Amino acid sequence: MNWDRVEGKWKQAAGKIKEKWGKLTDDDLQVIGGKRDQLIGKIQERYGIAKDEAARQVDEFSRTYGTDETTTREKMHRAGGA
Protein backbone atom coordinates (compact mmCIF):
# COMPACT_ATOMS: atom_id res chain seq x y z
CA MET A 1 0.00 0.00 0.00
CA ASN A 2 1.42 3.39 -0.87
CA TRP A 3 1.52 6.48 1.32
CA ASP A 4 -1.49 8.07 -0.45
CA ARG A 5 -3.67 5.29 0.91
CA VAL A 6 -2.22 5.63 4.43
CA GLU A 7 -2.84 9.36 4.27
CA GLY A 8 -6.39 8.81 3.00
CA LYS A 9 -7.14 6.52 5.94
CA TRP A 10 -5.16 8.56 8.46
CA LYS A 11 -7.54 8.10 11.41
CA GLN A 12 -7.37 4.32 11.08
CA ALA A 13 -3.64 4.34 10.31
CA ALA A 14 -2.86 6.58 13.30
CA GLY A 15 -3.76 3.76 15.69
CA LYS A 16 -1.37 1.36 13.97
CA ILE A 17 1.29 4.07 13.85
CA LYS A 18 0.95 4.63 17.59
CA GLU A 19 1.29 0.87 18.16
CA LYS A 20 4.51 0.81 16.13
CA TRP A 21 5.98 4.07 17.40
CA GLY A 22 4.65 4.32 20.94
CA LYS A 23 6.66 7.44 21.77
CA LEU A 24 4.43 9.44 19.43
CA THR A 25 1.61 11.21 21.24
CA ASP A 26 -1.97 11.72 20.11
CA ASP A 27 -1.08 15.40 19.68
CA ASP A 28 1.86 14.43 17.45
CA LEU A 29 -0.41 12.32 15.27
CA GLN A 30 -3.00 15.07 15.04
CA VAL A 31 -0.38 17.62 13.98
CA ILE A 32 1.18 15.18 11.49
CA GLY A 33 -2.25 14.70 9.92
CA GLY A 34 -1.08 12.11 7.41
CA LYS A 35 1.94 14.03 6.13
CA ARG A 36 4.76 11.55 5.49
CA ASP A 37 7.61 14.05 5.92
CA GLN A 38 6.22 15.25 9.23
CA LEU A 39 5.89 11.68 10.48
CA ILE A 40 9.49 10.97 9.51
CA GLY A 41 10.66 14.11 11.31
CA LYS A 42 8.72 13.29 14.46
CA ILE A 43 10.02 9.70 14.54
CA GLN A 44 13.53 11.05 14.05
CA GLU A 45 13.04 13.47 16.95
CA ARG A 46 11.38 11.05 19.38
CA TYR A 47 13.68 8.09 18.72
CA GLY A 48 16.95 9.92 18.01
CA ILE A 49 17.53 8.14 14.71
CA ALA A 50 18.79 9.35 11.35
CA LYS A 51 16.35 10.70 8.79
CA ASP A 52 17.20 7.87 6.37
CA GLU A 53 16.37 5.25 9.00
CA ALA A 54 13.11 6.96 9.95
CA ALA A 55 12.17 7.16 6.26
CA ARG A 56 12.99 3.47 5.80
CA GLN A 57 10.74 2.55 8.73
CA VAL A 58 7.88 4.69 7.43
CA ASP A 59 8.24 3.23 3.94
CA GLU A 60 8.17 -0.30 5.37
CA PHE A 61 5.06 0.59 7.38
CA SER A 62 3.32 2.00 4.31
CA ARG A 63 4.10 -1.18 2.34
CA THR A 64 2.69 -3.44 5.04
CA TYR A 65 -0.18 -1.26 6.30
CA GLY A 66 -3.49 -2.89 5.53
CA THR A 67 -2.14 -6.36 4.83
CA ASP A 68 -3.51 -7.69 8.14
CA GLU A 69 -6.93 -6.26 7.32
CA THR A 70 -6.88 -7.80 3.85
CA THR A 71 -5.82 -11.18 5.21
CA THR A 72 -8.58 -11.10 7.83
CA ARG A 73 -11.20 -10.18 5.22
CA GLU A 74 -10.02 -12.97 2.91
CA LYS A 75 -10.17 -15.52 5.74
CA MET A 76 -13.67 -14.40 6.71
CA HIS A 77 -14.80 -14.58 3.09
CA ARG A 78 -13.40 -18.08 2.64
CA ALA A 79 -14.94 -19.27 5.90
CA GLY A 80 -18.33 -17.88 4.88
CA GLY A 81 -18.11 -19.43 1.45
CA ALA A 82 -17.03 -22.86 2.67
PDB file of N, CA and C in Angstrom:
ATOM      1  N   MET A   1       0.866  -1.173   0.000  1.00  0.00           N
ATOM      2  CA  MET A   1       0.000   0.000   0.000  1.00  0.00           C
ATOM      3  C   MET A   1       0.906   1.227   0.000  1.00  0.00           C
ATOM      4  N   ASN A   2       0.574   2.208  -0.808  1.00  0.00           N
ATOM      5  CA  ASN A   2       1.424   3.390  -0.871  1.00  0.00           C
ATOM      6  C   ASN A   2       0.978   4.445   0.142  1.00  0.00           C
ATOM      7  N   TRP A   3       1.789   5.468   0.299  1.00  0.00           N
ATOM      8  CA  TRP A   3       1.515   6.478   1.315  1.00  0.00           C
ATOM      9  C   TRP A   3       0.197   7.199   1.076  1.00  0.00           C
ATOM     10  N   ASP A   4      -0.216   7.398  -0.170  1.00  0.00           N
ATOM     11  CA  ASP A   4      -1.487   8.072  -0.446  1.00  0.00           C
ATOM     12  C   ASP A   4      -2.643   7.360   0.245  1.00  0.00           C
ATOM     13  N   ARG A   5      -2.599   6.051   0.272  1.00  0.00           N
ATOM     14  CA  ARG A   5      -3.674   5.287   0.909  1.00  0.00           C
ATOM     15  C   ARG A   5      -3.595   5.400   2.429  1.00  0.00           C
ATOM     16  N   VAL A   6      -2.375   5.434   2.985  1.00  0.00           N
ATOM     17  CA  VAL A   6      -2.222   5.634   4.429  1.00  0.00           C
ATOM     18  C   VAL A   6      -2.768   7.010   4.790  1.00  0.00           C
ATOM     19  N   GLU A   7      -2.392   7.996   4.012  1.00  0.00           N
ATOM     20  CA  GLU A   7      -2.842   9.362   4.272  1.00  0.00           C
ATOM     21  C   GLU A   7      -4.368   9.457   4.169  1.00  0.00           C
ATOM     22  N   GLY A   8      -4.949   8.784   3.197  1.00  0.00           N
ATOM     23  CA  GLY A   8      -6.390   8.811   3.004  1.00  0.00           C
ATOM     24  C   GLY A   8      -7.157   8.149   4.141  1.00  0.00           C
ATOM     25  N   LYS A   9      -6.509   7.213   4.812  1.00  0.00           N
ATOM     26  CA  LYS A   9      -7.138   6.517   5.938  1.00  0.00           C
ATOM     27  C   LYS A   9      -6.400   6.877   7.231  1.00  0.00           C
ATOM     28  N   TRP A  10      -6.032   8.128   7.370  1.00  0.00           N
ATOM     29  CA  TRP A  10      -5.165   8.555   8.460  1.00  0.00           C
ATOM     30  C   TRP A  10      -5.719   8.194   9.834  1.00  0.00           C
ATOM     31  N   LYS A  11      -6.993   8.386  10.068  1.00  0.00           N
ATOM     32  CA  LYS A  11      -7.540   8.101  11.409  1.00  0.00           C
ATOM     33  C   LYS A  11      -7.357   6.629  11.771  1.00  0.00           C
ATOM     34  N   GLN A  12      -7.573   5.739  10.825  1.00  0.00           N
ATOM     35  CA  GLN A  12      -7.371   4.320  11.081  1.00  0.00           C
ATOM     36  C   GLN A  12      -5.873   4.010  11.201  1.00  0.00           C
ATOM     37  N   ALA A  13      -5.078   4.599  10.322  1.00  0.00           N
ATOM     38  CA  ALA A  13      -3.640   4.344  10.312  1.00  0.00           C
ATOM     39  C   ALA A  13      -2.970   4.870  11.573  1.00  0.00           C
ATOM     40  N   ALA A  14      -3.484   5.964  12.123  1.00  0.00           N
ATOM     41  CA  ALA A  14      -2.862   6.575  13.302  1.00  0.00           C
ATOM     42  C   ALA A  14      -2.792   5.591  14.467  1.00  0.00           C
ATOM     43  N   GLY A  15      -3.792   4.762  14.623  1.00  0.00           N
ATOM     44  CA  GLY A  15      -3.763   3.763  15.690  1.00  0.00           C
ATOM     45  C   GLY A  15      -2.635   2.768  15.498  1.00  0.00           C
ATOM     46  N   LYS A  16      -2.459   2.303  14.276  1.00  0.00           N
ATOM     47  CA  LYS A  16      -1.372   1.362  13.972  1.00  0.00           C
ATOM     48  C   LYS A  16      -0.021   2.049  14.112  1.00  0.00           C
ATOM     49  N   ILE A  17       0.048   3.310  13.725  1.00  0.00           N
ATOM     50  CA  ILE A  17       1.290   4.072  13.845  1.00  0.00           C
ATOM     51  C   ILE A  17       1.664   4.218  15.318  1.00  0.00           C
ATOM     52  N   LYS A  18       0.685   4.485  16.152  1.00  0.00           N
ATOM     53  CA  LYS A  18       0.954   4.631  17.585  1.00  0.00           C
ATOM     54  C   LYS A  18       1.392   3.293  18.189  1.00  0.00           C
ATOM     55  N   GLU A  19       0.847   2.185  17.691  1.00  0.00           N
ATOM     56  CA  GLU A  19       1.294   0.870  18.158  1.00  0.00           C
ATOM     57  C   GLU A  19       2.762   0.647  17.800  1.00  0.00           C
ATOM     58  N   LYS A  20       3.138   1.026  16.594  1.00  0.00           N
ATOM     59  CA  LYS A  20       4.510   0.808  16.126  1.00  0.00           C
ATOM     60  C   LYS A  20       5.491   1.776  16.759  1.00  0.00           C
ATOM     61  N   TRP A  21       5.111   3.038  16.842  1.00  0.00           N
ATOM     62  CA  TRP A  21       5.982   4.072  17.398  1.00  0.00           C
ATOM     63  C   TRP A  21       5.295   4.669  18.626  1.00  0.00           C
ATOM     64  N   GLY A  22       5.369   3.967  19.729  1.00  0.00           N
ATOM     65  CA  GLY A  22       4.655   4.321  20.945  1.00  0.00           C
ATOM     66  C   GLY A  22       5.064   5.636  21.583  1.00  0.00           C
ATOM     67  N   LYS A  23       6.226   6.159  21.212  1.00  0.00           N
ATOM     68  CA  LYS A  23       6.655   7.441  21.769  1.00  0.00           C
ATOM     69  C   LYS A  23       5.918   8.621  21.139  1.00  0.00           C
ATOM     70  N   LEU A  24       5.207   8.381  20.055  1.00  0.00           N
ATOM     71  CA  LEU A  24       4.431   9.444  19.428  1.00  0.00           C
ATOM     72  C   LEU A  24       3.147   9.653  20.226  1.00  0.00           C
ATOM     73  N   THR A  25       2.810  10.895  20.476  1.00  0.00           N
ATOM     74  CA  THR A  25       1.605  11.207  21.240  1.00  0.00           C
ATOM     75  C   THR A  25       0.412  11.399  20.305  1.00  0.00           C
ATOM     76  N   ASP A  26      -0.774  11.422  20.901  1.00  0.00           N
ATOM     77  CA  ASP A  26      -1.967  11.720  20.114  1.00  0.00           C
ATOM     78  C   ASP A  26      -1.857  13.106  19.490  1.00  0.00           C
ATOM     79  N   ASP A  27      -1.285  14.053  20.229  1.00  0.00           N
ATOM     80  CA  ASP A  27      -1.081  15.401  19.684  1.00  0.00           C
ATOM     81  C   ASP A  27      -0.138  15.369  18.488  1.00  0.00           C
ATOM     82  N   ASP A  28       0.940  14.576  18.590  1.00  0.00           N
ATOM     83  CA  ASP A  28       1.863  14.433  17.455  1.00  0.00           C
ATOM     84  C   ASP A  28       1.105  13.958  16.226  1.00  0.00           C
ATOM     85  N   LEU A  29       0.301  12.914  16.403  1.00  0.00           N
ATOM     86  CA  LEU A  29      -0.414  12.322  15.272  1.00  0.00           C
ATOM     87  C   LEU A  29      -1.428  13.294  14.686  1.00  0.00           C
ATOM     88  N   GLN A  30      -2.045  14.086  15.539  1.00  0.00           N
ATOM     89  CA  GLN A  30      -3.003  15.073  15.042  1.00  0.00           C
ATOM     90  C   GLN A  30      -2.289  16.142  14.219  1.00  0.00           C
ATOM     91  N   VAL A  31      -1.144  16.603  14.702  1.00  0.00           N
ATOM     92  CA  VAL A  31      -0.385  17.623  13.977  1.00  0.00           C
ATOM     93  C   VAL A  31       0.153  17.069  12.659  1.00  0.00           C
ATOM     94  N   ILE A  32       0.638  15.820  12.693  1.00  0.00           N
ATOM     95  CA  ILE A  32       1.177  15.180  11.487  1.00  0.00           C
ATOM     96  C   ILE A  32       0.098  15.080  10.420  1.00  0.00           C
ATOM     97  N   GLY A  33      -1.095  14.704  10.815  1.00  0.00           N
ATOM     98  CA  GLY A  33      -2.250  14.696   9.923  1.00  0.00           C
ATOM     99  C   GLY A  33      -2.069  13.961   8.613  1.00  0.00           C
ATOM    100  N   GLY A  34      -1.252  12.904   8.625  1.00  0.00           N
ATOM    101  CA  GLY A  34      -1.076  12.113   7.409  1.00  0.00           C
ATOM    102  C   GLY A  34       0.074  12.543   6.524  1.00  0.00           C
ATOM    103  N   LYS A  35       0.813  13.545   6.929  1.00  0.00           N
ATOM    104  CA  LYS A  35       1.937  14.033   6.128  1.00  0.00           C
ATOM    105  C   LYS A  35       3.174  13.175   6.388  1.00  0.00           C
ATOM    106  N   ARG A  36       3.634  12.485   5.371  1.00  0.00           N
ATOM    107  CA  ARG A  36       4.759  11.551   5.486  1.00  0.00           C
ATOM    108  C   ARG A  36       6.009  12.224   6.034  1.00  0.00           C
ATOM    109  N   ASP A  37       6.382  13.372   5.486  1.00  0.00           N
ATOM    110  CA  ASP A  37       7.609  14.050   5.917  1.00  0.00           C
ATOM    111  C   ASP A  37       7.541  14.460   7.380  1.00  0.00           C
ATOM    112  N   GLN A  38       6.363  14.877   7.830  1.00  0.00           N
ATOM    113  CA  GLN A  38       6.218  15.254   9.233  1.00  0.00           C
ATOM    114  C   GLN A  38       6.322  14.032  10.146  1.00  0.00           C
ATOM    115  N   LEU A  39       5.772  12.906   9.705  1.00  0.00           N
ATOM    116  CA  LEU A  39       5.887  11.675  10.482  1.00  0.00           C
ATOM    117  C   LEU A  39       7.353  11.266  10.593  1.00  0.00           C
ATOM    118  N   ILE A  40       8.063  11.319   9.493  1.00  0.00           N
ATOM    119  CA  ILE A  40       9.493  10.972   9.506  1.00  0.00           C
ATOM    120  C   ILE A  40      10.243  11.871  10.486  1.00  0.00           C
ATOM    121  N   GLY A  41       9.985  13.164  10.418  1.00  0.00           N
ATOM    122  CA  GLY A  41      10.657  14.106  11.306  1.00  0.00           C
ATOM    123  C   GLY A  41      10.352  13.849  12.772  1.00  0.00           C
ATOM    124  N   LYS A  42       9.111  13.526  13.069  1.00  0.00           N
ATOM    125  CA  LYS A  42       8.718  13.290  14.464  1.00  0.00           C
ATOM    126  C   LYS A  42       9.321  11.989  14.982  1.00  0.00           C
ATOM    127  N   ILE A  43       9.383  10.961  14.144  1.00  0.00           N
ATOM    128  CA  ILE A  43      10.022   9.697  14.542  1.00  0.00           C
ATOM    129  C   ILE A  43      11.508   9.940  14.794  1.00  0.00           C
ATOM    130  N   GLN A  44      12.112  10.701  13.916  1.00  0.00           N
ATOM    131  CA  GLN A  44      13.525  11.053  14.047  1.00  0.00           C
ATOM    132  C   GLN A  44      13.764  11.750  15.393  1.00  0.00           C
ATOM    133  N   GLU A  45      12.918  12.699  15.711  1.00  0.00           N
ATOM    134  CA  GLU A  45      13.040  13.472  16.946  1.00  0.00           C
ATOM    135  C   GLU A  45      12.818  12.601  18.182  1.00  0.00           C
ATOM    136  N   ARG A  46      11.744  11.833  18.198  1.00  0.00           N
ATOM    137  CA  ARG A  46      11.381  11.045  19.380  1.00  0.00           C
ATOM    138  C   ARG A  46      12.337   9.882  19.646  1.00  0.00           C
ATOM    139  N   TYR A  47      12.848   9.279  18.571  1.00  0.00           N
ATOM    140  CA  TYR A  47      13.677   8.090  18.723  1.00  0.00           C
ATOM    141  C   TYR A  47      15.170   8.352  18.542  1.00  0.00           C
ATOM    142  N   GLY A  48      15.541   9.573  18.165  1.00  0.00           N
ATOM    143  CA  GLY A  48      16.947   9.916  18.012  1.00  0.00           C
ATOM    144  C   GLY A  48      17.649   9.108  16.931  1.00  0.00           C
ATOM    145  N   ILE A  49      16.944   8.904  15.821  1.00  0.00           N
ATOM    146  CA  ILE A  49      17.528   8.139  14.712  1.00  0.00           C
ATOM    147  C   ILE A  49      17.717   9.053  13.503  1.00  0.00           C
ATOM    148  N   ALA A  50      18.521   8.585  12.565  1.00  0.00           N
ATOM    149  CA  ALA A  50      18.792   9.354  11.351  1.00  0.00           C
ATOM    150  C   ALA A  50      17.543   9.439  10.481  1.00  0.00           C
ATOM    151  N   LYS A  51      17.494  10.495   9.687  1.00  0.00           N
ATOM    152  CA  LYS A  51      16.349  10.705   8.790  1.00  0.00           C
ATOM    153  C   LYS A  51      16.174   9.526   7.837  1.00  0.00           C
ATOM    154  N   ASP A  52      17.284   9.006   7.302  1.00  0.00           N
ATOM    155  CA  ASP A  52      17.203   7.875   6.371  1.00  0.00           C
ATOM    156  C   ASP A  52      16.572   6.651   7.025  1.00  0.00           C
ATOM    157  N   GLU A  53      16.929   6.396   8.294  1.00  0.00           N
ATOM    158  CA  GLU A  53      16.373   5.252   9.004  1.00  0.00           C
ATOM    159  C   GLU A  53      14.891   5.461   9.294  1.00  0.00           C
ATOM    160  N   ALA A  54      14.521   6.662   9.697  1.00  0.00           N
ATOM    161  CA  ALA A  54      13.111   6.962   9.950  1.00  0.00           C
ATOM    162  C   ALA A  54      12.306   6.800   8.663  1.00  0.00           C
ATOM    163  N   ALA A  55      12.853   7.275   7.554  1.00  0.00           N
ATOM    164  CA  ALA A  55      12.166   7.156   6.258  1.00  0.00           C
ATOM    165  C   ALA A  55      12.022   5.690   5.865  1.00  0.00           C
ATOM    166  N   ARG A  56      13.056   4.893   6.122  1.00  0.00           N
ATOM    167  CA  ARG A  56      12.988   3.467   5.800  1.00  0.00           C
ATOM    168  C   ARG A  56      11.875   2.794   6.600  1.00  0.00           C
ATOM    169  N   GLN A  57      11.780   3.132   7.887  1.00  0.00           N
ATOM    170  CA  GLN A  57      10.743   2.547   8.730  1.00  0.00           C
ATOM    171  C   GLN A  57       9.344   2.950   8.259  1.00  0.00           C
ATOM    172  N   VAL A  58       9.187   4.209   7.900  1.00  0.00           N
ATOM    173  CA  VAL A  58       7.878   4.694   7.427  1.00  0.00           C
ATOM    174  C   VAL A  58       7.519   4.020   6.106  1.00  0.00           C
ATOM    175  N   ASP A  59       8.497   3.885   5.222  1.00  0.00           N
ATOM    176  CA  ASP A  59       8.236   3.227   3.941  1.00  0.00           C
ATOM    177  C   ASP A  59       7.843   1.762   4.144  1.00  0.00           C
ATOM    178  N   GLU A  60       8.510   1.092   5.058  1.00  0.00           N
ATOM    179  CA  GLU A  60       8.171  -0.295   5.371  1.00  0.00           C
ATOM    180  C   GLU A  60       6.750  -0.375   5.936  1.00  0.00           C
ATOM    181  N   PHE A  61       6.410   0.547   6.824  1.00  0.00           N
ATOM    182  CA  PHE A  61       5.061   0.587   7.380  1.00  0.00           C
ATOM    183  C   PHE A  61       4.032   0.785   6.274  1.00  0.00           C
ATOM    184  N   SER A  62       4.302   1.713   5.363  1.00  0.00           N
ATOM    185  CA  SER A  62       3.325   2.004   4.308  1.00  0.00           C
ATOM    186  C   SER A  62       3.151   0.816   3.357  1.00  0.00           C
ATOM    187  N   ARG A  63       4.205   0.020   3.188  1.00  0.00           N
ATOM    188  CA  ARG A  63       4.098  -1.183   2.340  1.00  0.00           C
ATOM    189  C   ARG A  63       3.266  -2.258   3.015  1.00  0.00           C
ATOM    190  N   THR A  64       3.367  -2.358   4.340  1.00  0.00           N
ATOM    191  CA  THR A  64       2.687  -3.443   5.038  1.00  0.00           C
ATOM    192  C   THR A  64       1.344  -3.024   5.623  1.00  0.00           C
ATOM    193  N   TYR A  65       1.072  -1.717   5.713  1.00  0.00           N
ATOM    194  CA  TYR A  65      -0.181  -1.257   6.303  1.00  0.00           C
ATOM    195  C   TYR A  65      -1.370  -1.789   5.496  1.00  0.00           C
ATOM    196  N   GLY A  66      -2.299  -2.385   6.188  1.00  0.00           N
ATOM    197  CA  GLY A  66      -3.494  -2.892   5.531  1.00  0.00           C
ATOM    198  C   GLY A  66      -3.417  -4.359   5.169  1.00  0.00           C
ATOM    199  N   THR A  67      -2.231  -4.954   5.215  1.00  0.00           N
ATOM    200  CA  THR A  67      -2.135  -6.363   4.833  1.00  0.00           C
ATOM    201  C   THR A  67      -2.841  -7.251   5.836  1.00  0.00           C
ATOM    202  N   ASP A  68      -2.797  -6.903   7.132  1.00  0.00           N
ATOM    203  CA  ASP A  68      -3.509  -7.687   8.143  1.00  0.00           C
ATOM    204  C   ASP A  68      -5.009  -7.629   7.906  1.00  0.00           C
ATOM    205  N   GLU A  69      -5.506  -6.427   7.573  1.00  0.00           N
ATOM    206  CA  GLU A  69      -6.934  -6.262   7.322  1.00  0.00           C
ATOM    207  C   GLU A  69      -7.371  -7.075   6.112  1.00  0.00           C
ATOM    208  N   THR A  70      -6.560  -7.052   5.068  1.00  0.00           N
ATOM    209  CA  THR A  70      -6.879  -7.799   3.854  1.00  0.00           C
ATOM    210  C   THR A  70      -6.896  -9.291   4.151  1.00  0.00           C
ATOM    211  N   THR A  71      -5.892  -9.768   4.880  1.00  0.00           N
ATOM    212  CA  THR A  71      -5.816 -11.180   5.212  1.00  0.00           C
ATOM    213  C   THR A  71      -7.037 -11.603   6.034  1.00  0.00           C
ATOM    214  N   THR A  72      -7.414 -10.788   7.001  1.00  0.00           N
ATOM    215  CA  THR A  72      -8.577 -11.104   7.830  1.00  0.00           C
ATOM    216  C   THR A  72      -9.844 -11.161   6.980  1.00  0.00           C
ATOM    217  N   ARG A  73     -10.023 -10.193   6.086  1.00  0.00           N
ATOM    218  CA  ARG A  73     -11.205 -10.180   5.219  1.00  0.00           C
ATOM    219  C   ARG A  73     -11.243 -11.420   4.333  1.00  0.00           C
ATOM    220  N   GLU A  74     -10.073 -11.789   3.783  1.00  0.00           N
ATOM    221  CA  GLU A  74     -10.022 -12.965   2.915  1.00  0.00           C
ATOM    222  C   GLU A  74     -10.374 -14.226   3.687  1.00  0.00           C
ATOM    223  N   LYS A  75      -9.869 -14.347   4.919  1.00  0.00           N
ATOM    224  CA  LYS A  75     -10.172 -15.522   5.740  1.00  0.00           C
ATOM    225  C   LYS A  75     -11.662 -15.585   6.055  1.00  0.00           C
ATOM    226  N   MET A  76     -12.249 -14.436   6.396  1.00  0.00           N
ATOM    227  CA  MET A  76     -13.673 -14.404   6.707  1.00  0.00           C
ATOM    228  C   MET A  76     -14.498 -14.776   5.478  1.00  0.00           C
ATOM    229  N   HIS A  77     -14.081 -14.288   4.316  1.00  0.00           N
ATOM    230  CA  HIS A  77     -14.802 -14.578   3.086  1.00  0.00           C
ATOM    231  C   HIS A  77     -14.738 -16.080   2.776  1.00  0.00           C
ATOM    232  N   ARG A  78     -13.546 -16.644   2.918  1.00  0.00           N
ATOM    233  CA  ARG A  78     -13.395 -18.081   2.644  1.00  0.00           C
ATOM    234  C   ARG A  78     -14.224 -18.906   3.633  1.00  0.00           C
ATOM    235  N   ALA A  79     -14.199 -18.514   4.891  1.00  0.00           N
ATOM    236  CA  ALA A  79     -14.937 -19.267   5.905  1.00  0.00           C
ATOM    237  C   ALA A  79     -16.451 -19.193   5.630  1.00  0.00           C
ATOM    238  N   GLY A  80     -16.913 -18.041   5.188  1.00  0.00           N
ATOM    239  CA  GLY A  80     -18.335 -17.878   4.884  1.00  0.00           C
ATOM    240  C   GLY A  80     -18.736 -18.632   3.641  1.00  0.00           C
ATOM    241  N   GLY A  81     -17.798 -18.769   2.719  1.00  0.00           N
ATOM    242  CA  GLY A  81     -18.109 -19.433   1.454  1.00  0.00           C
ATOM    243  C   GLY A  81     -17.925 -20.932   1.505  1.00  0.00           C
ATOM    244  N   ALA A  82     -17.315 -21.415   2.569  1.00  0.00           N
ATOM    245  CA  ALA A  82     -17.028 -22.862   2.668  1.00  0.00           C
ATOM    246  C   ALA A  82     -18.219 -23.651   3.135  1.00  0.00           C
TER     247      ALA A  82
END
